[in-house]
N, C-alpha and C. Protein backbone atom coordinates (compact mmCIF):
# COMPACT_ATOMS: atom_id res chain seq x y z
N MET A 1 0.72 -1.37 -0.16
CA MET A 1 -0.30 0.24 -0.19
C MET A 1 0.95 1.14 0.21
N ALA A 2 0.27 1.95 -0.86
CA ALA A 2 1.29 3.24 -0.98
C ALA A 2 0.97 4.66 0.10
N LYS A 3 1.36 5.19 0.52
CA LYS A 3 0.98 5.74 1.89
C LYS A 3 0.55 7.48 0.81
N LYS A 4 -0.07 8.05 1.06
CA LYS A 4 -0.08 9.50 0.51
C LYS A 4 0.90 10.25 1.29
N ALA A 5 1.72 11.10 0.60
CA ALA A 5 2.14 12.21 1.22
C ALA A 5 0.98 13.22 1.27
N THR A 6 0.96 13.63 2.92
CA THR A 6 0.21 14.22 3.49
C THR A 6 1.18 15.69 3.73
N LYS A 7 0.68 16.62 3.33
CA LYS A 7 1.08 17.99 3.82
C LYS A 7 0.50 18.28 5.59
N LYS A 8 1.64 18.43 5.64
CA LYS A 8 1.51 19.34 7.55
C LYS A 8 1.19 20.25 7.25
N LYS A 9 0.35 20.65 8.06
CA LYS A 9 -0.15 22.40 8.40
C LYS A 9 0.71 22.90 9.26
N ALA A 10 0.96 24.09 8.90
CA ALA A 10 2.02 24.95 9.93
C ALA A 10 1.00 25.31 11.31
N ALA A 11 1.99 24.60 12.17
CA ALA A 11 0.76 25.20 13.53
C ALA A 11 0.87 26.80 13.56
N PRO A 12 -0.42 27.09 14.20
CA PRO A 12 -0.70 27.94 14.23
C PRO A 12 -0.20 29.28 14.84
N LYS A 13 0.39 30.74 14.39
CA LYS A 13 1.34 31.19 15.49
C LYS A 13 0.62 31.05 16.35
N LYS A 14 1.75 31.24 17.66
CA LYS A 14 1.36 31.74 19.35
C LYS A 14 1.17 33.34 19.30
N LYS A 15 -0.01 33.81 19.61
CA LYS A 15 0.20 35.38 20.18
C LYS A 15 0.98 35.27 20.94
N ALA A 16 1.40 36.55 21.19
CA ALA A 16 2.15 37.00 22.28
C ALA A 16 1.37 37.19 23.27
N ALA A 17 1.92 36.43 24.62
CA ALA A 17 0.72 36.89 25.56
C ALA A 17 0.32 38.24 25.86
N ALA A 18 -0.71 39.06 25.82
CA ALA A 18 -0.88 40.10 26.29
C ALA A 18 -0.62 40.76 27.86
N LYS A 19 0.05 41.85 27.97
CA LYS A 19 1.04 41.55 29.35
C LYS A 19 -0.42 42.58 30.03
N LYS A 20 -0.80 41.82 31.13
CA LYS A 20 -2.24 42.32 31.70
C LYS A 20 -1.41 43.20 33.05
N LYS A 21 -2.35 44.39 32.73
CA LYS A 21 -2.11 45.63 33.69
C LYS A 21 -2.34 45.61 34.73
N ALA A 22 -1.77 46.16 35.78
CA ALA A 22 -1.81 45.59 37.10
C ALA A 22 -2.81 46.98 37.76
N ALA A 23 -3.54 46.37 38.62
CA ALA A 23 -4.76 47.04 38.66
C ALA A 23 -4.18 48.44 39.49
N PRO A 24 -4.40 49.74 39.33
CA PRO A 24 -3.93 50.88 40.07
C PRO A 24 -4.01 50.69 41.37
N LYS A 25 -3.10 50.96 42.46
CA LYS A 25 -3.04 50.64 43.97
C LYS A 25 -4.09 51.97 44.01
N LYS A 26 -4.56 51.78 45.36
CA LYS A 26 -5.90 52.46 46.01
C LYS A 26 -4.63 53.41 47.03
N LYS A 27 -5.05 54.24 46.72
CA LYS A 27 -4.15 55.43 47.56
C LYS A 27 -4.64 56.10 48.64
N VAL A 28 -3.77 55.44 49.72
CA VAL A 28 -4.33 55.63 51.28
C VAL A 28 -4.56 56.92 51.58
N ALA A 29 -5.44 57.79 52.26
CA ALA A 29 -5.23 59.28 52.58
C ALA A 29 -4.77 58.63 54.09
N LYS A 30 -3.42 59.81 53.91
CA LYS A 30 -2.63 59.80 54.79
C LYS A 30 -3.52 61.22 55.81
N LYS A 31 -3.43 61.29 56.97
CA LYS A 31 -4.02 62.38 57.69
C LYS A 31 -2.69 63.68 57.55
N LYS A 32 -3.05 64.66 56.84
CA LYS A 32 -1.55 65.31 57.16
C LYS A 32 -1.38 66.42 58.59
N SER A 33 -0.49 66.50 58.95
CA SER A 33 -0.82 67.50 60.18
C SER A 33 -0.01 68.50 59.83
N ALA A 34 -0.37 69.62 60.39
CA ALA A 34 0.12 70.93 60.31
C ALA A 34 1.59 70.69 60.82
N ARG A 35 1.97 71.15 59.80
CA ARG A 35 3.55 71.75 59.90
C ARG A 35 3.84 72.38 60.80
N LYS A 36 5.01 71.99 61.75
CA LYS A 36 5.07 72.78 62.64
C LYS A 36 6.81 73.24 62.66
N PRO A 37 7.35 74.85 62.39
CA PRO A 37 7.92 75.69 62.62
C PRO A 37 9.60 75.27 63.28
N ASN A 38 10.53 75.12 63.10
CA ASN A 38 11.52 74.39 63.97
C ASN A 38 11.14 75.89 65.32
N ALA A 39 11.19 76.17 66.43
CA ALA A 39 11.32 77.10 66.90
C ALA A 39 12.84 77.50 67.15
N ALA A 40 14.21 76.65 66.88
CA ALA A 40 15.42 77.77 66.78
C ALA A 40 15.38 78.23 65.34
N PHE A 41 14.51 78.05 64.46
CA PHE A 41 14.68 78.80 63.25
C PHE A 41 13.90 80.31 63.53
N MET A 42 13.20 79.88 64.31
CA MET A 42 11.97 81.51 64.17
C MET A 42 12.36 82.24 65.53
N LYS A 43 13.80 81.94 66.42
CA LYS A 43 14.20 82.67 67.69
C LYS A 43 14.48 83.76 67.27
N ALA A 44 13.93 85.09 67.45
CA ALA A 44 14.60 86.53 66.98
C ALA A 44 16.00 87.13 67.38
N LEU A 45 17.10 87.29 66.48
CA LEU A 45 18.50 87.20 66.66
C LEU A 45 18.90 88.89 66.50
N ALA A 46 20.09 89.03 67.31
CA ALA A 46 20.23 90.51 66.93
C ALA A 46 21.38 90.63 66.07
N PRO A 47 21.34 91.41 64.93
CA PRO A 47 22.54 91.57 64.20
C PRO A 47 24.09 92.20 64.67
N SER A 48 25.13 91.42 63.93
CA SER A 48 26.08 92.78 64.58
C SER A 48 26.01 94.01 63.99
N ALA A 49 26.65 95.11 64.16
CA ALA A 49 26.74 96.40 63.61
C ALA A 49 27.13 96.07 62.24
N THR A 50 27.87 94.53 62.01
CA THR A 50 28.54 95.37 60.38
C THR A 50 27.43 94.37 59.58
N LEU A 51 26.43 93.64 60.17
CA LEU A 51 25.59 92.99 59.73
C LEU A 51 23.97 93.79 59.35
N ALA A 52 24.14 94.50 60.55
CA ALA A 52 22.93 95.67 60.63
C ALA A 52 23.16 96.72 59.29
N ASN A 53 24.37 96.89 58.91
CA ASN A 53 24.42 98.19 58.52
C ASN A 53 24.09 97.61 57.13
N VAL A 54 24.00 95.93 56.24
CA VAL A 54 23.49 95.62 55.42
C VAL A 54 21.45 95.27 55.16
N ILE A 55 21.13 95.07 56.57
CA ILE A 55 19.80 94.13 56.55
C ILE A 55 18.92 94.83 57.39
N GLY A 56 19.46 96.22 58.28
CA GLY A 56 19.13 96.90 59.41
C GLY A 56 19.19 96.25 60.47
N ALA A 57 18.77 97.55 61.64
CA ALA A 57 19.23 96.77 63.06
C ALA A 57 18.50 95.82 64.09
N ASN A 58 17.42 95.76 63.33
CA ASN A 58 16.40 94.89 64.25
C ASN A 58 16.65 93.61 64.63
N SER A 59 15.70 92.73 65.29
CA SER A 59 16.42 91.64 65.38
C SER A 59 15.04 90.62 64.52
N LEU A 60 15.37 89.69 64.12
CA LEU A 60 14.47 89.12 62.90
C LEU A 60 15.42 87.51 63.34
N PRO A 61 14.68 86.51 62.75
CA PRO A 61 14.78 85.51 62.41
C PRO A 61 16.40 84.87 61.58
N ARG A 62 16.79 83.66 61.84
CA ARG A 62 18.05 83.53 61.20
C ARG A 62 17.46 83.25 59.26
N THR A 63 16.50 82.80 59.50
CA THR A 63 16.07 82.69 57.73
C THR A 63 15.58 84.06 57.38
N GLU A 64 15.06 85.01 57.95
CA GLU A 64 14.60 86.52 57.51
C GLU A 64 15.95 86.69 56.93
N ALA A 65 17.47 86.88 58.34
CA ALA A 65 18.36 87.80 57.78
C ALA A 65 18.94 86.94 56.53
N VAL A 66 19.16 85.67 56.39
CA VAL A 66 19.65 85.04 55.25
C VAL A 66 18.67 85.48 53.50
N LYS A 67 17.19 85.60 53.95
CA LYS A 67 16.34 86.48 53.25
C LYS A 67 16.98 87.39 52.84
N LYS A 68 17.32 88.53 53.63
CA LYS A 68 17.44 90.09 53.17
C LYS A 68 18.92 90.16 52.76
N ILE A 69 20.02 89.00 53.18
CA ILE A 69 20.90 89.27 52.48
C ILE A 69 20.99 89.05 50.82
N TRP A 70 20.27 87.97 50.86
CA TRP A 70 20.10 87.45 49.46
C TRP A 70 19.50 88.87 48.67
N GLY A 71 18.09 89.65 48.96
CA GLY A 71 17.76 90.33 48.68
C GLY A 71 18.70 91.83 47.95
N TYR A 72 19.44 91.65 49.02
CA TYR A 72 20.50 92.78 48.74
C TYR A 72 21.71 92.38 48.03
N ILE A 73 22.21 91.16 47.62
CA ILE A 73 22.81 90.89 46.74
C ILE A 73 22.34 90.93 45.22
N LYS A 74 21.13 90.33 45.17
CA LYS A 74 20.54 90.53 44.02
C LYS A 74 20.06 91.71 43.72
N LYS A 75 19.73 92.45 44.40
CA LYS A 75 19.57 93.89 44.05
C LYS A 75 20.78 95.01 43.34
N ASN A 76 21.38 94.55 44.49
CA ASN A 76 22.75 94.85 43.83
C ASN A 76 23.78 94.20 42.53
N GLY A 77 23.37 93.04 42.24
CA GLY A 77 23.92 92.36 40.91
C GLY A 77 25.58 91.74 41.84
N LEU A 78 25.41 91.03 42.59
CA LEU A 78 26.29 90.87 43.06
C LEU A 78 26.76 89.52 43.02
N GLN A 79 26.28 88.65 42.27
CA GLN A 79 26.52 87.83 42.27
C GLN A 79 27.37 87.47 41.07
N ASP A 80 28.40 86.51 40.93
CA ASP A 80 29.49 86.76 39.67
C ASP A 80 28.85 85.81 38.95
N LYS A 81 29.30 86.78 37.57
CA LYS A 81 28.62 86.51 36.38
C LYS A 81 28.28 84.96 35.70
N LYS A 82 29.55 84.77 35.91
CA LYS A 82 30.56 83.51 35.56
C LYS A 82 30.22 82.25 36.27
N ASN A 83 30.65 82.24 37.20
CA ASN A 83 30.21 81.39 38.25
C ASN A 83 29.42 82.03 39.35
N ARG A 84 28.27 81.30 39.22
CA ARG A 84 26.87 81.94 39.99
C ARG A 84 26.96 81.60 41.49
N ARG A 85 27.65 80.55 41.83
CA ARG A 85 27.92 80.05 43.37
C ARG A 85 28.79 81.54 44.26
N MET A 86 29.32 81.87 43.45
CA MET A 86 30.57 82.68 44.28
C MET A 86 29.57 84.52 44.05
N ILE A 87 29.91 84.94 45.24
CA ILE A 87 29.21 86.38 45.58
C ILE A 87 30.64 87.30 45.72
N ASN A 88 30.14 88.42 44.75
CA ASN A 88 31.37 89.58 45.02
C ASN A 88 31.25 90.53 45.90
N ALA A 89 32.23 90.73 46.57
CA ALA A 89 31.89 91.96 47.60
C ALA A 89 32.22 93.16 47.48
N ASP A 90 31.02 94.05 48.00
CA ASP A 90 30.83 95.81 47.70
C ASP A 90 31.73 96.04 48.81
N ALA A 91 31.35 97.08 49.47
CA ALA A 91 32.17 98.17 50.66
C ALA A 91 31.43 97.75 51.81
N LYS A 92 30.12 97.11 51.59
CA LYS A 92 28.89 96.78 52.68
C LYS A 92 29.22 95.49 53.25
N LEU A 93 29.56 94.49 52.26
CA LEU A 93 29.80 93.04 52.49
C LEU A 93 31.20 92.41 52.51
N ASN A 94 32.18 93.36 52.05
CA ASN A 94 33.88 93.22 52.07
C ASN A 94 33.87 93.43 53.99
N ALA A 95 33.16 94.60 54.82
CA ALA A 95 33.25 94.13 55.96
C ALA A 95 32.64 92.88 56.70
N LEU A 96 31.50 92.67 56.48
CA LEU A 96 30.78 91.45 56.79
C LEU A 96 31.81 90.19 56.42
N PHE A 97 32.51 90.28 55.13
CA PHE A 97 32.87 88.83 55.00
C PHE A 97 34.49 88.69 55.26
N GLY A 98 34.41 89.68 56.45
CA GLY A 98 35.89 89.27 56.79
C GLY A 98 37.06 89.95 55.96
N GLY A 99 36.89 90.80 54.79
CA GLY A 99 38.08 91.43 54.09
C GLY A 99 38.00 90.62 52.62
N LYS A 100 37.42 89.90 52.59
CA LYS A 100 37.41 88.68 51.09
C LYS A 100 36.96 89.82 50.13
N ASN A 101 37.23 89.32 49.38
CA ASN A 101 36.46 90.35 47.76
C ASN A 101 35.50 89.15 47.20
N GLN A 102 35.44 87.89 47.36
CA GLN A 102 34.81 87.11 47.13
C GLN A 102 34.37 85.83 48.26
N VAL A 103 33.29 85.14 48.27
CA VAL A 103 32.87 84.41 49.17
C VAL A 103 31.36 83.28 48.41
N SER A 104 31.94 81.85 48.33
CA SER A 104 31.03 80.94 47.35
C SER A 104 29.81 81.68 48.61
N MET A 105 28.60 81.00 47.90
CA MET A 105 27.19 81.12 48.58
C MET A 105 26.77 80.08 49.55
N PHE A 106 27.87 79.20 49.44
CA PHE A 106 27.50 78.06 50.87
C PHE A 106 28.18 78.34 51.77
N ASP A 107 29.14 78.95 51.88
CA ASP A 107 29.65 79.89 53.24
C ASP A 107 29.28 80.41 53.80
N LEU A 108 28.05 81.54 53.20
CA LEU A 108 27.28 82.51 53.69
C LEU A 108 26.49 82.45 55.02
N ALA A 109 25.68 80.87 55.18
CA ALA A 109 25.35 80.94 56.44
C ALA A 109 26.27 80.69 57.49
N LYS A 110 27.46 80.55 57.23
CA LYS A 110 28.44 80.45 58.71
C LYS A 110 28.47 81.80 58.81
N ILE A 111 29.00 82.60 57.41
CA ILE A 111 29.09 83.51 57.93
C ILE A 111 28.52 84.70 59.22
N LEU A 112 27.43 84.36 58.49
CA LEU A 112 26.07 85.00 59.03
C LEU A 112 26.11 84.47 60.39
N SER A 113 26.54 83.59 60.92
CA SER A 113 25.95 82.56 61.78
C SER A 113 27.18 83.67 63.53
N LYS A 114 28.08 84.13 62.86
CA LYS A 114 28.76 84.49 63.31
C LYS A 114 28.41 86.04 63.63
N HIS A 115 27.84 86.72 62.93
CA HIS A 115 27.12 88.28 63.18
C HIS A 115 25.62 88.02 63.86
N LEU A 116 25.34 87.00 64.00
CA LEU A 116 23.81 87.46 64.32
C LEU A 116 24.35 86.03 65.96
N LYS A 117 23.24 87.02 67.17
CA LYS A 117 23.94 86.61 68.48
C LYS A 117 22.37 86.71 68.96
């Protein structure tokens, strides 16, 4: 008996398994507590005479003193044009910076701490 040559059908291509989308996670509502400012930052400090020439003689918190110094720097264009991290001193800031002509902005807080009591 002669066998007939039969063509085998190609197996159907398997479809790529569709990735299941993860169900969106439910957000748990956290109870927000009112943010309390740190008392150490809010304590009014008296500026030294050299610092008072720049920001005024009134007692104020350390955070406000930094804001006023930056306001003075921006108003007078004392930030270095090429290296924005450096602050160029004018006559008032030169006395505050201890005679240095240029100071890094990261040293500003350290310098201010010496002039606030």
